[in-house]
N, C-alpha and C. Protein backbone atom coordinates (compact mmCIF):
# COMPACT_ATOMS: atom_id res chain seq x y z
N UNK A 1 23.47 -3.21 -11.84
CA UNK A 1 23.16 -2.32 -12.54
C UNK A 1 24.02 -1.17 -12.57
N UNK A 2 25.35 -0.98 -13.28
CA UNK A 2 25.95 -0.23 -12.96
C UNK A 2 25.71 0.94 -14.48
N UNK A 3 25.74 2.19 -13.92
CA UNK A 3 25.35 3.25 -14.95
C UNK A 3 25.72 4.56 -14.20
N UNK A 4 25.20 5.71 -14.57
CA UNK A 4 25.37 6.91 -14.18
C UNK A 4 24.20 7.78 -14.64
N UNK A 5 24.12 8.99 -13.83
CA UNK A 5 22.90 9.87 -14.49
C UNK A 5 23.59 11.04 -15.13
N UNK A 6 23.15 11.24 -16.28
CA UNK A 6 23.84 12.35 -17.20
C UNK A 6 23.69 13.92 -16.30
N UNK A 7 24.69 14.50 -16.17
CA UNK A 7 24.83 15.78 -15.55
C UNK A 7 24.03 16.88 -16.16
N UNK A 8 23.78 16.57 -17.46
CA UNK A 8 23.33 17.47 -18.27
C UNK A 8 21.68 17.31 -18.11
N UNK A 9 21.13 16.30 -18.72
CA UNK A 9 19.85 15.94 -18.68
C UNK A 9 19.15 15.39 -17.82
N UNK A 10 20.14 14.76 -16.74
CA UNK A 10 19.55 13.89 -15.81
C UNK A 10 18.89 12.70 -15.99
N UNK A 11 19.09 12.07 -17.10
CA UNK A 11 18.78 10.81 -17.62
C UNK A 11 19.64 9.78 -17.16
N UNK A 12 19.17 8.47 -16.71
CA UNK A 12 19.96 7.51 -16.38
C UNK A 12 20.65 6.88 -17.50
N UNK A 13 21.83 6.71 -17.67
CA UNK A 13 22.66 6.17 -18.54
C UNK A 13 23.21 4.77 -18.22
N UNK A 14 22.71 3.73 -18.84
CA UNK A 14 23.26 2.26 -18.53
C UNK A 14 24.75 2.40 -18.85
N UNK A 15 25.57 1.42 -18.35
CA UNK A 15 27.06 1.37 -18.67
C UNK A 15 27.14 0.68 -19.97
N UNK A 16 28.00 1.32 -20.80
CA UNK A 16 28.02 0.85 -22.28
C UNK A 16 26.94 1.39 -23.15
N UNK A 17 26.17 2.14 -22.80
CA UNK A 17 25.13 2.70 -23.58
C UNK A 17 25.40 3.94 -24.04
N UNK A 18 25.19 4.16 -25.49
CA UNK A 18 25.43 5.48 -26.02
C UNK A 18 24.37 6.54 -25.68
N UNK A 19 24.91 7.73 -25.24
CA UNK A 19 24.21 8.75 -24.71
C UNK A 19 24.87 10.32 -25.20
N UNK A 20 23.83 10.90 -26.24
CA UNK A 20 23.98 12.29 -26.56
C UNK A 20 23.16 12.86 -26.47
N UNK A 21 23.03 13.66 -25.23
CA UNK A 21 21.77 14.44 -25.33
C UNK A 21 21.87 15.93 -25.74
N UNK A 22 23.06 16.10 -26.26
CA UNK A 22 23.42 17.53 -26.92
C UNK A 22 22.68 17.60 -28.37
N UNK A 23 22.70 16.39 -28.94
CA UNK A 23 22.24 16.39 -30.48
C UNK A 23 20.68 16.23 -30.36
N UNK A 24 20.33 16.98 -31.01
CA UNK A 24 18.65 17.44 -31.05
C UNK A 24 18.50 17.63 -32.71
N UNK A 25 16.96 17.45 -33.03
CA UNK A 25 16.51 17.65 -34.46
C UNK A 25 15.49 18.77 -34.42
N UNK A 26 15.24 19.33 -35.57
CA UNK A 26 14.11 20.24 -35.42
C UNK A 26 12.82 19.54 -35.18
N UNK A 27 12.48 18.40 -35.41
CA UNK A 27 11.40 17.64 -35.19
C UNK A 27 11.21 17.47 -33.82
N UNK A 28 12.31 17.23 -33.04
CA UNK A 28 12.19 17.01 -31.44
C UNK A 28 11.97 18.18 -30.78
N UNK A 29 12.48 19.35 -31.31
CA UNK A 29 12.17 20.54 -30.61
C UNK A 29 10.83 21.26 -31.05
N UNK A 30 10.31 20.64 -32.16
CA UNK A 30 8.79 21.42 -32.62
C UNK A 30 7.86 20.36 -32.24
N UNK A 31 7.98 18.83 -31.85
CA UNK A 31 7.22 17.78 -31.65
C UNK A 31 5.90 18.33 -30.77
N UNK A 32 6.40 18.97 -29.54
CA UNK A 32 5.23 19.23 -28.63
C UNK A 32 4.63 20.47 -28.58
N UNK A 33 4.91 21.19 -29.71
CA UNK A 33 4.10 22.78 -29.60
C UNK A 33 2.75 22.36 -30.21
N UNK A 34 1.87 23.27 -29.60
CA UNK A 34 0.37 23.30 -29.94
C UNK A 34 0.32 23.48 -31.48
N UNK A 35 -0.77 23.30 -32.08
CA UNK A 35 -0.91 23.51 -33.40
C UNK A 35 -0.77 24.70 -34.00
N UNK A 36 -1.13 25.80 -33.52
CA UNK A 36 -0.87 26.98 -33.81
C UNK A 36 0.39 27.47 -34.06
N UNK A 37 1.14 26.94 -33.10
CA UNK A 37 2.65 27.11 -33.19
C UNK A 37 3.59 26.52 -34.21
N UNK A 38 2.92 25.03 -34.46
CA UNK A 38 3.60 24.16 -35.61
C UNK A 38 3.39 24.92 -36.83
N UNK A 39 2.09 25.71 -36.87
CA UNK A 39 1.78 25.94 -38.33
C UNK A 39 2.62 27.28 -38.33
N UNK A 40 2.86 28.07 -37.29
CA UNK A 40 3.84 29.37 -37.41
C UNK A 40 5.03 29.02 -37.80
N UNK A 41 5.39 27.76 -37.14
CA UNK A 41 6.98 27.33 -37.25
C UNK A 41 7.06 26.87 -38.82
N UNK A 42 6.27 26.18 -39.22
CA UNK A 42 6.17 25.76 -40.80
C UNK A 42 6.24 26.79 -41.73
N UNK A 43 5.57 27.89 -41.39
CA UNK A 43 5.48 29.31 -42.23
C UNK A 43 6.68 29.97 -42.19
N UNK A 44 7.23 30.17 -40.90
CA UNK A 44 8.61 30.74 -40.68
C UNK A 44 9.81 30.13 -41.51
N UNK A 45 9.70 28.81 -41.46
CA UNK A 45 10.85 27.96 -41.90
C UNK A 45 10.69 28.10 -43.42
N UNK A 46 9.64 27.80 -43.78
CA UNK A 46 9.35 27.97 -45.35
C UNK A 46 9.76 29.25 -45.90
N UNK A 47 9.43 30.17 -45.27
CA UNK A 47 9.76 31.64 -45.69
C UNK A 47 11.44 31.80 -45.69
N UNK A 48 11.90 31.34 -44.58
CA UNK A 48 13.41 31.71 -44.52
C UNK A 48 14.24 30.89 -45.61
N UNK A 49 13.56 29.67 -46.02
CA UNK A 49 14.40 28.74 -46.85
C UNK A 49 14.19 29.23 -48.12
N UNK A 50 13.08 30.01 -48.64
CA UNK A 50 12.84 30.66 -49.90
C UNK A 50 14.17 31.89 -50.00
N UNK A 51 14.76 32.21 -49.13
CA UNK A 51 15.85 33.29 -49.26
C UNK A 51 17.15 32.91 -50.02
N UNK A 52 17.42 31.73 -50.08
CA UNK A 52 18.44 31.47 -50.87
C UNK A 52 19.27 30.03 -50.02
N UNK A 53 20.34 29.94 -50.50
CA UNK A 53 21.32 28.95 -49.59
C UNK A 53 21.67 29.19 -48.30
N UNK A 54 21.38 28.27 -47.38
CA UNK A 54 21.70 28.41 -46.07
C UNK A 54 21.53 27.38 -45.38
N UNK A 55 21.95 27.11 -44.05
CA UNK A 55 22.25 25.97 -43.54
C UNK A 55 21.12 26.14 -42.18
N UNK A 56 20.19 25.07 -42.08
CA UNK A 56 19.14 25.20 -41.15
C UNK A 56 19.34 23.96 -40.30
N UNK A 57 19.72 24.25 -39.15
CA UNK A 57 20.01 22.95 -37.99
C UNK A 57 19.58 23.31 -36.58
N UNK A 58 19.65 22.15 -35.82
CA UNK A 58 19.09 22.23 -34.43
C UNK A 58 20.23 22.31 -33.61
N UNK A 59 20.36 23.14 -32.66
CA UNK A 59 21.47 23.45 -31.80
C UNK A 59 20.87 23.39 -30.12
N UNK A 60 21.05 22.34 -29.53
CA UNK A 60 20.37 22.31 -28.04
C UNK A 60 19.16 22.79 -28.13
N UNK A 61 18.63 23.81 -27.96
CA UNK A 61 17.22 24.33 -27.70
C UNK A 61 16.57 25.33 -28.62
N UNK A 62 17.56 25.50 -29.54
CA UNK A 62 17.38 26.36 -30.57
C UNK A 62 17.40 25.88 -32.06
N UNK A 63 16.74 26.41 -33.14
CA UNK A 63 16.76 25.92 -34.58
C UNK A 63 17.68 27.46 -35.27
N UNK A 64 18.93 26.84 -35.60
CA UNK A 64 19.58 27.88 -36.31
C UNK A 64 19.31 28.22 -37.96
N UNK A 65 19.41 29.39 -38.19
CA UNK A 65 19.51 29.66 -39.79
C UNK A 65 20.72 30.52 -40.04
N UNK A 66 21.56 29.70 -40.56
CA UNK A 66 22.76 30.61 -40.95
C UNK A 66 23.48 30.58 -42.58
N UNK A 67 24.19 31.40 -42.79
CA UNK A 67 24.96 31.42 -43.90
C UNK A 67 26.31 31.24 -43.74
N UNK A 68 27.22 32.16 -43.45
CA UNK A 68 28.41 31.89 -42.97
C UNK A 68 28.30 32.14 -41.41
N UNK A 69 27.42 32.97 -40.86
CA UNK A 69 27.08 33.01 -39.66
C UNK A 69 25.63 33.02 -39.32
N UNK A 70 25.27 32.85 -38.23
CA UNK A 70 23.78 32.67 -38.01
C UNK A 70 23.18 34.34 -38.23
N UNK A 71 21.88 34.27 -38.97
CA UNK A 71 21.59 35.58 -39.15
C UNK A 71 20.18 35.62 -38.43
N UNK A 72 19.66 34.32 -37.75
CA UNK A 72 18.61 34.22 -36.89
C UNK A 72 18.25 33.00 -36.51
N UNK A 73 17.71 32.80 -35.20
CA UNK A 73 17.34 31.61 -34.56
C UNK A 73 15.95 31.62 -33.91
N UNK A 74 15.51 30.37 -33.96
CA UNK A 74 14.10 30.24 -33.14
C UNK A 74 14.47 29.27 -31.87
N UNK A 75 13.73 29.72 -30.91
CA UNK A 75 13.60 28.82 -29.54
C UNK A 75 12.17 28.67 -29.36
N UNK A 76 11.83 27.47 -29.76
CA UNK A 76 10.33 26.80 -29.60
C UNK A 76 10.01 27.18 -27.89
N UNK A 77 9.04 27.84 -27.70
CA UNK A 77 8.61 27.78 -26.02
C UNK A 77 7.24 27.18 -26.19
N UNK A 78 6.56 26.63 -25.11
CA UNK A 78 5.43 26.13 -24.94
C UNK A 78 4.38 27.14 -25.43
N UNK A 79 4.48 28.46 -25.28
CA UNK A 79 3.55 29.75 -25.59
C UNK A 79 3.45 30.38 -26.63
N UNK A 80 4.83 30.36 -27.05
CA UNK A 80 5.17 31.12 -28.32
C UNK A 80 6.64 30.51 -29.02
N UNK A 81 7.05 31.30 -30.02
CA UNK A 81 8.22 31.01 -30.94
C UNK A 81 9.21 32.18 -30.47
N UNK A 82 10.22 31.98 -29.76
CA UNK A 82 10.90 33.24 -29.65
C UNK A 82 12.20 33.49 -30.81
N UNK A 83 11.89 34.45 -31.66
CA UNK A 83 12.94 34.75 -32.68
C UNK A 83 14.02 35.54 -32.02
N UNK A 84 15.22 35.38 -32.51
CA UNK A 84 16.47 36.29 -32.20
C UNK A 84 16.80 36.57 -33.84
N UNK A 85 16.60 37.97 -34.25
CA UNK A 85 16.96 38.15 -35.41
C UNK A 85 18.25 39.26 -35.24
N UNK A 86 19.57 39.06 -36.07
CA UNK A 86 20.61 39.84 -36.09
C UNK A 86 20.50 40.68 -37.13
N UNK A 87 20.33 41.83 -36.86
CA UNK A 87 20.46 43.14 -37.72
C UNK A 87 21.24 43.90 -37.42
N UNK A 88 21.68 45.06 -38.20
CA UNK A 88 22.73 46.15 -37.99
C UNK A 88 22.06 47.24 -36.92
N UNK A 89 20.87 46.94 -36.83
CA UNK A 89 20.05 48.18 -36.03
C UNK A 89 18.96 47.63 -35.21
N UNK A 90 18.77 47.94 -34.08
CA UNK A 90 17.65 47.55 -33.27
C UNK A 90 16.37 48.16 -33.88
N UNK A 91 15.23 47.18 -33.77
CA UNK A 91 14.10 47.69 -34.23
C UNK A 91 13.02 48.30 -33.27
N UNK A 92 12.38 49.12 -33.44
CA UNK A 92 11.20 49.58 -32.75
C UNK A 92 9.85 49.36 -33.11
N UNK A 93 9.40 48.41 -32.54
CA UNK A 93 7.88 47.93 -33.09
C UNK A 93 7.30 47.08 -32.10
N UNK A 94 5.93 46.92 -32.17
CA UNK A 94 5.31 46.45 -30.98
C UNK A 94 5.66 45.01 -30.97
N UNK A 95 6.10 44.21 -31.92
CA UNK A 95 6.39 42.86 -32.08
C UNK A 95 7.80 42.48 -31.34
N UNK A 96 8.61 43.47 -31.13
CA UNK A 96 9.88 43.30 -30.61
C UNK A 96 9.78 43.20 -29.01
N UNK A 97 10.45 42.49 -28.49
CA UNK A 97 10.43 42.47 -26.86
C UNK A 97 11.80 42.99 -26.18
N UNK A 98 12.83 42.52 -26.98
CA UNK A 98 14.05 43.02 -26.41
C UNK A 98 15.06 43.35 -27.53
N UNK A 99 15.80 44.27 -27.25
CA UNK A 99 16.98 44.77 -28.25
C UNK A 99 18.19 44.97 -27.45
N UNK A 100 19.05 44.30 -28.13
CA UNK A 100 20.49 44.42 -27.42
C UNK A 100 21.70 44.43 -28.40
N UNK A 101 22.83 44.71 -28.16
CA UNK A 101 23.95 44.83 -29.20
C UNK A 101 24.63 43.38 -28.65
N UNK A 102 24.89 42.50 -29.92
CA UNK A 102 25.51 41.25 -29.86
C UNK A 102 27.02 41.29 -30.19
N UNK A 103 27.54 42.40 -31.06
CA UNK A 103 28.88 42.72 -31.51
C UNK A 103 28.98 44.12 -31.76
N UNK A 104 30.16 44.36 -32.40
CA UNK A 104 30.53 45.77 -32.67
C UNK A 104 29.39 46.12 -33.91
N UNK A 105 29.05 45.11 -34.68
CA UNK A 105 28.45 45.29 -36.05
C UNK A 105 26.93 44.97 -35.93
N UNK A 106 26.50 44.03 -34.99
CA UNK A 106 25.22 43.62 -35.00
C UNK A 106 24.44 43.64 -33.88
N UNK A 107 23.27 43.85 -34.00
CA UNK A 107 22.16 44.00 -32.62
C UNK A 107 21.13 42.76 -32.74
N UNK A 108 20.84 42.07 -31.66
CA UNK A 108 19.85 41.12 -31.85
C UNK A 108 18.70 41.63 -31.42
N UNK A 109 17.55 41.16 -31.87
CA UNK A 109 16.19 41.57 -31.51
C UNK A 109 15.29 40.42 -31.32
N UNK A 110 14.81 40.67 -30.14
CA UNK A 110 13.84 39.26 -29.66
C UNK A 110 12.37 39.68 -30.16
N UNK A 111 11.65 38.80 -30.89
CA UNK A 111 10.41 38.85 -31.17
C UNK A 111 9.66 37.55 -31.03
N UNK A 112 8.42 37.55 -30.33
CA UNK A 112 7.44 36.39 -29.86
C UNK A 112 6.57 36.15 -30.89
N UNK A 113 6.43 34.96 -31.72
CA UNK A 113 5.24 34.64 -32.43
C UNK A 113 4.42 33.69 -31.94
N UNK A 114 2.99 33.99 -31.79
CA UNK A 114 2.24 33.00 -31.15
C UNK A 114 1.05 32.62 -32.34
N UNK A 115 1.33 33.11 -33.47
CA UNK A 115 0.46 32.58 -34.51
C UNK A 115 0.68 32.62 -35.80
N UNK A 116 0.50 31.84 -36.82
CA UNK A 116 0.75 31.70 -38.06
C UNK A 116 0.85 32.96 -38.75
N UNK A 117 -0.33 33.79 -38.62
CA UNK A 117 -0.65 35.14 -39.19
C UNK A 117 0.34 36.11 -38.96
N UNK A 118 1.23 35.91 -38.08
CA UNK A 118 2.21 36.92 -37.38
C UNK A 118 3.41 36.83 -38.43
N UNK A 119 3.48 35.69 -39.03
CA UNK A 119 4.70 35.50 -39.88
C UNK A 119 4.50 35.94 -41.29
N UNK A 120 4.32 37.42 -41.39
CA UNK A 120 4.08 38.23 -42.30
C UNK A 120 4.93 39.58 -42.19
N UNK A 121 4.94 40.60 -43.23
CA UNK A 121 5.56 41.58 -42.95
C UNK A 121 5.07 42.29 -41.74
N UNK A 122 5.93 43.14 -41.03
CA UNK A 122 7.21 43.38 -41.26
C UNK A 122 8.52 42.27 -40.71
N UNK A 123 7.84 41.20 -40.21
CA UNK A 123 8.63 40.27 -39.57
C UNK A 123 9.36 39.61 -40.76
N UNK A 124 8.86 39.15 -41.84
CA UNK A 124 9.48 38.62 -42.98
C UNK A 124 10.47 39.57 -43.56
N UNK A 125 10.10 40.80 -43.58
CA UNK A 125 11.09 41.69 -44.08
C UNK A 125 12.37 41.75 -43.23
N UNK A 126 12.12 41.90 -41.90
CA UNK A 126 13.20 41.91 -41.07
C UNK A 126 14.32 40.48 -41.28
N UNK A 127 13.47 39.36 -41.50
CA UNK A 127 14.52 38.22 -41.78
C UNK A 127 15.19 38.34 -42.96
N UNK A 128 14.42 38.94 -43.90
CA UNK A 128 15.27 39.14 -45.39
C UNK A 128 16.32 40.07 -45.16
N UNK A 129 16.20 41.15 -44.17
CA UNK A 129 17.27 41.99 -44.23
C UNK A 129 18.35 41.52 -43.34
N UNK A 130 17.95 40.59 -42.42
CA UNK A 130 19.33 40.02 -41.76
C UNK A 130 19.93 38.88 -42.66
N UNK A 131 19.21 38.30 -43.44
CA UNK A 131 19.77 37.32 -44.49
C UNK A 131 20.79 37.90 -45.43
N UNK A 132 20.36 39.34 -46.12
CA UNK A 132 21.22 40.02 -46.70
C UNK A 132 22.16 40.90 -46.11
N UNK A 133 22.12 40.80 -44.75
CA UNK A 133 23.18 41.72 -44.07
C UNK A 133 24.77 41.07 -44.21
N UNK A 134 24.96 39.76 -44.29
CA UNK A 134 26.08 39.25 -44.20
C UNK A 134 26.67 40.03 -45.67
N UNK A 135 26.06 39.93 -46.92
CA UNK A 135 26.54 40.40 -48.19
C UNK A 135 26.99 41.94 -47.66
N UNK A 136 26.24 42.76 -47.41
CA UNK A 136 26.53 44.11 -46.96
C UNK A 136 27.77 44.11 -46.23
N UNK A 137 27.90 43.45 -45.09
CA UNK A 137 29.00 43.52 -44.26
C UNK A 137 30.37 42.98 -44.92
N UNK A 138 30.31 42.22 -45.83
CA UNK A 138 31.46 41.51 -46.38
C UNK A 138 31.77 42.71 -47.58
N UNK A 139 30.85 43.39 -48.19
CA UNK A 139 31.17 44.27 -49.23
C UNK A 139 31.84 45.47 -48.48
N UNK A 140 31.36 45.99 -47.66
CA UNK A 140 31.88 47.13 -46.47
C UNK A 140 33.40 46.57 -46.13
N UNK A 141 33.44 45.42 -45.77
CA UNK A 141 34.73 44.98 -45.31
C UNK A 141 35.89 45.11 -46.23
N UNK A 142 35.29 44.43 -47.46
CA UNK A 142 36.40 44.65 -48.88
C UNK A 142 36.72 46.05 -48.90
N UNK A 143 35.64 46.96 -49.10
CA UNK A 143 36.08 48.35 -49.34
C UNK A 143 36.96 48.92 -48.29
N UNK A 144 36.79 48.58 -47.18
CA UNK A 144 37.55 49.17 -45.99
C UNK A 144 39.11 48.67 -46.19
N UNK A 145 39.12 47.35 -46.35
CA UNK A 145 40.55 46.79 -46.75
C UNK A 145 41.09 47.31 -47.74
N UNK A 146 40.35 47.65 -48.94
CA UNK A 146 41.02 48.39 -50.09
C UNK A 146 41.40 49.54 -49.71
N UNK A 147 40.65 50.58 -48.84
CA UNK A 147 40.67 51.82 -48.60
C UNK A 147 42.11 51.88 -47.80
N UNK A 148 42.11 50.89 -46.89
CA UNK A 148 43.07 50.81 -45.75
C UNK A 148 44.45 50.58 -46.52
N UNK A 149 44.47 50.05 -47.47
CA UNK A 149 45.76 49.37 -48.44
C UNK A 149 46.40 50.93 -49.20
N UNK A 150 45.39 51.51 -49.68
CA UNK A 150 45.69 52.58 -50.20
C UNK A 150 46.15 53.62 -49.30
N UNK A 151 45.57 53.61 -48.16
CA UNK A 151 46.11 54.60 -47.21
C UNK A 151 47.12 54.38 -46.56
N UNK A 152 47.36 53.00 -46.44
CA UNK A 152 48.81 52.80 -45.93
C UNK A 152 49.83 53.04 -46.86
N UNK A 153 49.70 52.81 -48.20
CA UNK A 153 50.36 53.21 -49.33
C UNK A 153 50.88 54.56 -49.14
N UNK A 154 49.75 55.40 -49.02
CA UNK A 154 50.06 56.73 -49.08
C UNK A 154 50.76 57.15 -47.77
N UNK A 155 50.71 56.71 -46.74
CA UNK A 155 51.42 56.99 -45.48
C UNK A 155 52.74 56.54 -45.66
N UNK A 156 53.18 55.65 -46.25
CA UNK A 156 54.53 55.22 -46.67
C UNK A 156 55.09 55.96 -47.29
N UNK A 157 54.59 56.65 -48.54
CA UNK A 157 55.09 57.79 -49.45
C UNK A 157 55.49 58.91 -48.59
N UNK A 158 54.38 59.40 -47.81
CA UNK A 158 54.66 60.41 -47.02
C UNK A 158 55.66 60.43 -45.93
N UNK A 159 55.97 59.14 -45.44
CA UNK A 159 56.97 59.00 -44.42
C UNK A 159 58.46 59.03 -45.04
N UNK A 160 58.51 58.37 -46.53
CA UNK A 160 59.59 58.60 -47.12
C UNK A 160 59.96 59.98 -47.50
N UNK A 161 59.11 61.01 -47.81
CA UNK A 161 59.27 62.32 -48.18
C UNK A 161 59.82 62.99 -46.83
N UNK A 162 59.23 62.71 -45.70
CA UNK A 162 59.63 63.19 -44.42
C UNK A 162 61.07 62.85 -44.31
N UNK A 163 61.30 61.64 -44.40
CA UNK A 163 62.83 61.30 -44.09
C UNK A 163 63.75 62.19 -44.93
N UNK A 164 63.40 62.14 -46.15
CA UNK A 164 64.19 62.89 -46.99
C UNK A 164 64.40 64.33 -46.68
N UNK A 165 63.41 64.71 -46.33
CA UNK A 165 63.35 66.31 -45.95
C UNK A 165 64.29 66.63 -44.53
N UNK A 166 64.13 65.57 -43.65
CA UNK A 166 65.08 65.48 -42.50
C UNK A 166 66.53 65.32 -42.72
N UNK A 167 66.74 64.58 -43.77
CA UNK A 167 68.10 64.18 -44.13
C UNK A 167 68.89 65.33 -44.89
N UNK A 168 67.89 66.06 -45.59
CA UNK A 168 68.51 67.38 -46.15
C UNK A 168 68.67 68.36 -45.25
N UNK A 169 67.75 68.54 -44.17
CA UNK A 169 68.16 69.45 -43.13
C UNK A 169 69.37 68.90 -42.30
N UNK A 170 69.65 67.78 -41.69
CA UNK A 170 70.83 67.31 -41.39
C UNK A 170 72.07 67.65 -42.18
N UNK A 171 71.91 67.37 -43.39
CA UNK A 171 73.08 67.75 -44.29
C UNK A 171 73.35 69.23 -44.21
N UNK A 172 72.48 69.86 -44.21
CA UNK A 172 72.67 71.50 -44.30
C UNK A 172 73.25 72.08 -43.15
N UNK A 173 72.72 71.33 -41.95
CA UNK A 173 73.19 71.85 -40.54
C UNK A 173 74.84 71.34 -40.48
N UNK A 174 75.33 70.24 -40.89
CA UNK A 174 76.47 69.95 -40.98
C UNK A 174 77.46 70.67 -41.79
N UNK A 175 77.24 71.16 -42.86
CA UNK A 175 77.76 71.84 -43.59
C UNK A 175 78.11 73.35 -43.19
N UNK A 176 76.85 73.88 -42.54
CA UNK A 176 76.88 75.06 -41.96
C UNK A 176 78.16 75.28 -40.65
N UNK A 177 78.10 73.99 -40.04
CA UNK A 177 79.19 73.84 -38.85
C UNK A 177 80.24 73.70 -39.32
N UNK A 178 80.78 73.16 -40.73
CA UNK A 178 81.93 72.98 -41.02
C UNK A 178 82.71 74.09 -41.67
């Protein structure tokens, strides 16, 4: 019996047998959750799905919610659902367990959900804010690019004027010398 042990999941894989332990599904990640957490998960997923067009997919131990980039994800744990919400700011609330910067523009906020009733304001408002953040960042980026182009154009005009002034001074000095 030839085969090998998967270095990742430690499962025994027979020779020639297909094995992909990285591929997972929402159902596989939420299957063994207690009833309270399953209800919370369903309410959370339903709330996020109502926001609009997005991609919801399972990745390793998390369920990701993304538009062009991930705006929040859920890690199902035995005792709670761990939410990681990407916002422009850190949150200060009793529900928030941890806050840290994830990039120059975003901060991640870790929230633990233990019951269905916790999936309501302010958590749903934070999720909506995270969903809308991408539009706000894109608008700011477009405005900055437009401002950058006009500033660049202004700089080039100023440089040309300075060059003309310098050339005039050089010409005057040459005339004075001769």
